[in-house]
């Protein structure tokens, strides 16, 4: 087992309804190569086979948390409440925490300032294909995070229901804009 944490993007959308605190979508697409990530000190592309997360979800699905930018040293902003392992990939549902950090992250998603999601995994079983990509037959899902730069080109979610990915501000810029808008310094941010 490797100590490396692999990071991949995902596509998510908020549930319908203005009061919803649920984020759902495709966390890991199967048979799709990622952009290169560093694995064991080298840039590497990754693909996951269907069912690669079945054992992980069975053993620890209730422990998967939602973070910001993979910062697991901070408290989580949400928790996994639903998993569906489909032929397309691993679909998940997360509930945002009713905390200041959870509320802030939810608002940033709703307003479209953060539009990417990424998963951190521990690779357990994998082989290298003829292109040099690592093909994972088993991996442990460690956490899911809101991010600005997803590993899969064009992957992400939209807070407005359009389904179109928009490049977001970095988290610090988005927080600053949210604070300025709350204090009335900017409008229509």
Protein backbone atom coordinates (compact mmCIF):
# COMPACT_ATOMS: atom_id res chain seq x y z
CA UNK A 1 0.00 0.00 0.00
CA UNK A 2 1.33 3.42 -0.93
CA UNK A 3 1.37 6.44 1.36
CA UNK A 4 0.64 8.72 -1.62
CA UNK A 5 -2.73 10.46 -1.68
CA UNK A 6 -4.09 10.67 -5.22
CA UNK A 7 -6.39 13.54 -6.11
CA UNK A 8 -9.00 13.39 -8.88
CA UNK A 9 -11.79 15.66 -9.96
CA UNK A 10 -15.51 15.00 -9.92
CA UNK A 11 -18.77 16.38 -11.23
CA UNK A 12 -21.36 17.51 -8.67
CA UNK A 13 -24.48 19.66 -8.40
CA UNK A 14 -26.58 20.87 -5.51
CA UNK A 15 -29.95 19.25 -4.99
CA UNK A 16 -32.88 21.34 -6.24
CA UNK A 17 -34.42 23.77 -3.79
CA UNK A 18 -33.05 26.88 -2.17
CA UNK A 19 -32.73 25.30 1.29
CA UNK A 20 -30.99 22.10 0.20
CA UNK A 21 -27.69 21.28 1.88
CA UNK A 22 -27.05 18.23 -0.35
CA UNK A 23 -24.37 17.95 -3.01
CA UNK A 24 -24.62 14.92 -5.33
CA UNK A 25 -22.82 13.60 -8.36
CA UNK A 26 -20.18 11.48 -10.00
CA UNK A 27 -17.15 11.40 -7.69
CA UNK A 28 -14.93 9.09 -9.75
CA UNK A 29 -15.65 8.29 -13.39
CA UNK A 30 -14.62 4.76 -14.38
CA UNK A 31 -12.33 4.10 -17.35
CA UNK A 32 -11.44 7.81 -17.71
CA UNK A 33 -7.81 8.93 -17.42
CA UNK A 34 -6.96 11.78 -15.09
CA UNK A 35 -4.59 14.62 -15.81
CA UNK A 36 -1.12 13.71 -14.53
CA UNK A 37 -0.80 13.67 -10.75
CA UNK A 38 2.30 12.95 -8.70
CA UNK A 39 2.42 9.31 -7.59
CA UNK A 40 5.52 7.87 -5.89
CA UNK A 41 7.40 11.01 -6.94
CA UNK A 42 6.55 10.81 -10.66
CA UNK A 43 3.77 12.39 -12.80
CA UNK A 44 1.22 9.67 -13.54
CA UNK A 45 -2.23 9.35 -15.14
CA UNK A 46 -4.82 7.15 -13.40
CA UNK A 47 -7.95 5.24 -14.39
CA UNK A 48 -10.32 3.30 -12.16
CA UNK A 49 -12.06 0.06 -13.04
CA UNK A 50 -15.75 -0.43 -12.18
CA UNK A 51 -16.14 -1.51 -8.57
CA UNK A 52 -12.71 -0.25 -7.49
CA UNK A 53 -14.25 1.35 -4.38
CA UNK A 54 -16.75 -1.39 -3.41
CA UNK A 55 -14.81 -2.73 -0.42
CA UNK A 56 -13.80 0.75 0.76
CA UNK A 57 -17.39 1.99 0.72
CA UNK A 58 -18.61 -1.14 2.49
CA UNK A 59 -15.96 -0.84 5.22
CA UNK A 60 -15.72 2.91 5.73
CA UNK A 61 -18.30 4.76 3.62
CA UNK A 62 -19.85 6.42 6.67
CA UNK A 63 -16.43 7.89 7.55
CA UNK A 64 -15.88 9.77 4.27
CA UNK A 65 -15.94 13.53 4.88
CA UNK A 66 -16.09 16.67 2.73
CA UNK A 67 -13.19 19.15 3.10
CA UNK A 68 -11.91 22.31 1.40
CA UNK A 69 -8.79 21.89 -0.80
CA UNK A 70 -7.89 18.54 0.83
CA UNK A 71 -7.08 20.28 4.11
CA UNK A 72 -7.77 17.36 6.44
CA UNK A 73 -6.04 19.18 9.30
CA UNK A 74 -9.17 21.33 9.57
CA UNK A 75 -12.62 20.11 10.56
CA UNK A 76 -14.78 18.75 7.72
CA UNK A 77 -17.51 20.87 6.10
CA UNK A 78 -19.75 17.88 5.34
CA UNK A 79 -20.22 14.12 5.36
CA UNK A 80 -21.10 11.40 2.88
CA UNK A 81 -24.68 10.17 3.17
CA UNK A 82 -25.14 8.21 -0.06
CA UNK A 83 -23.07 6.01 -2.42
CA UNK A 84 -24.08 4.38 -5.70
CA UNK A 85 -21.46 2.31 -7.55
CA UNK A 86 -22.66 2.41 -11.17
CA UNK A 87 -21.12 1.32 -14.48
CA UNK A 88 -20.39 5.02 -15.15
CA UNK A 89 -18.52 5.49 -11.86
CA UNK A 90 -18.89 6.10 -8.16
CA UNK A 91 -21.80 8.44 -7.41
CA UNK A 92 -21.98 10.05 -3.97
CA UNK A 93 -24.14 12.40 -1.95
CA UNK A 94 -22.79 14.80 0.69
CA UNK A 95 -24.59 16.87 3.29
CA UNK A 96 -23.00 20.20 4.24
CA UNK A 97 -22.48 20.69 7.98
CA UNK A 98 -24.58 23.34 9.71
CA UNK A 99 -21.48 25.18 10.88
CA UNK A 100 -19.91 28.51 9.91
CA UNK A 101 -17.44 26.72 7.62
CA UNK A 102 -20.13 24.49 6.12
CA UNK A 103 -22.45 27.47 5.55
CA UNK A 104 -19.65 29.49 3.95
CA UNK A 105 -18.66 26.64 1.60
CA UNK A 106 -22.29 26.00 0.67
CA UNK A 107 -22.80 29.69 -0.17
CA UNK A 108 -19.64 29.75 -2.30
CA UNK A 109 -20.96 26.74 -4.25
CA UNK A 110 -24.44 28.26 -4.63
CA UNK A 111 -22.96 31.53 -5.92
CA UNK A 112 -20.66 29.76 -8.38
CA UNK A 113 -17.34 30.84 -6.89
CA UNK A 114 -16.23 27.25 -6.27
CA UNK A 115 -17.06 24.81 -9.02
CA UNK A 116 -14.72 21.84 -8.68
CA UNK A 117 -14.65 18.76 -6.52
CA UNK A 118 -11.82 16.28 -6.02
CA UNK A 119 -11.35 12.97 -4.25
CA UNK A 120 -8.38 11.72 -2.29
CA UNK A 121 -7.74 7.99 -2.51
CA UNK A 122 -5.19 5.43 -1.36
CA UNK A 123 -4.32 3.06 -4.23
CA UNK A 124 -4.52 -0.58 -3.12
CA UNK A 125 -4.35 -2.69 -6.33
CA UNK A 126 -3.24 -1.37 -9.71
CA UNK A 127 -1.37 -2.29 -12.88
CA UNK A 128 0.30 -0.20 -15.55
CA UNK A 129 -1.22 -0.29 -19.04
CA UNK A 130 0.74 -0.03 -22.32
CA UNK A 131 0.38 3.80 -22.30
CA UNK A 132 1.91 3.98 -18.85
CA UNK A 133 -1.35 4.86 -17.09
CA UNK A 134 -2.06 3.23 -13.75
CA UNK A 135 -5.27 1.20 -13.85
CA UNK A 136 -6.73 0.80 -10.36
CA UNK A 137 -8.78 -2.30 -9.57
CA UNK A 138 -9.08 -1.36 -5.89
CA UNK A 139 -8.67 1.91 -4.00
CA UNK A 140 -9.71 3.34 -0.64
CA UNK A 141 -11.76 6.55 -0.77
CA UNK A 142 -10.26 8.78 1.92
CA UNK A 143 -12.02 12.12 1.48
CA UNK A 144 -13.71 14.49 -0.96
CA UNK A 145 -12.90 18.20 -1.25
CA UNK A 146 -14.18 21.39 -2.83
CA UNK A 147 -11.40 22.61 -5.17
CA UNK A 148 -10.74 25.14 -7.91
CA UNK A 149 -8.50 23.04 -10.16
CA UNK A 150 -9.89 19.54 -10.79
CA UNK A 151 -7.63 16.81 -12.23
CA UNK A 152 -10.00 15.84 -15.06
CA UNK A 153 -10.19 18.52 -17.78
CA UNK A 154 -13.55 20.27 -17.73
CA UNK A 155 -14.85 18.38 -14.70
CA UNK A 156 -16.68 20.18 -11.95
CA UNK A 157 -20.18 21.30 -11.09
CA UNK A 158 -22.27 24.41 -11.40
CA UNK A 159 -24.21 25.97 -8.57
CA UNK A 160 -26.78 27.43 -10.96
CA UNK A 161 -28.05 24.13 -12.40
CA UNK A 162 -26.74 24.88 -15.92
CA UNK A 163 -24.40 21.90 -15.83
CA UNK A 164 -21.59 24.02 -17.28
CA UNK A 165 -18.27 24.11 -15.47
CA UNK A 166 -16.99 27.60 -14.69
CA UNK A 167 -13.47 28.38 -13.55
CA UNK A 168 -13.76 29.56 -9.96
CA UNK A 169 -11.84 32.00 -7.86
CA UNK A 170 -9.38 30.50 -5.46
CA UNK A 171 -10.85 29.83 -2.03
CA UNK A 172 -9.26 32.89 -0.42
CA UNK A 173 -10.53 35.22 -3.17
CA UNK A 174 -14.01 33.73 -2.91
CA UNK A 175 -14.07 34.15 0.89
CA UNK A 176 -12.98 37.78 0.58
CA UNK A 177 -15.69 38.53 -2.01
CA UNK A 178 -18.31 36.83 0.18
CA UNK A 179 -17.25 38.91 3.22
CA UNK A 180 -17.28 42.15 1.18
CA UNK A 181 -20.76 41.35 -0.16
CA UNK A 182 -22.07 40.54 3.33
CA UNK A 183 -20.85 43.94 4.55
CA UNK A 184 -22.45 45.69 1.56
CA UNK A 185 -19.20 46.82 -0.07
CA UNK A 186 -19.93 44.97 -3.34
CA UNK A 187 -23.21 43.93 -4.94
CA UNK A 188 -24.06 41.13 -7.35
CA UNK A 189 -20.80 39.37 -6.70
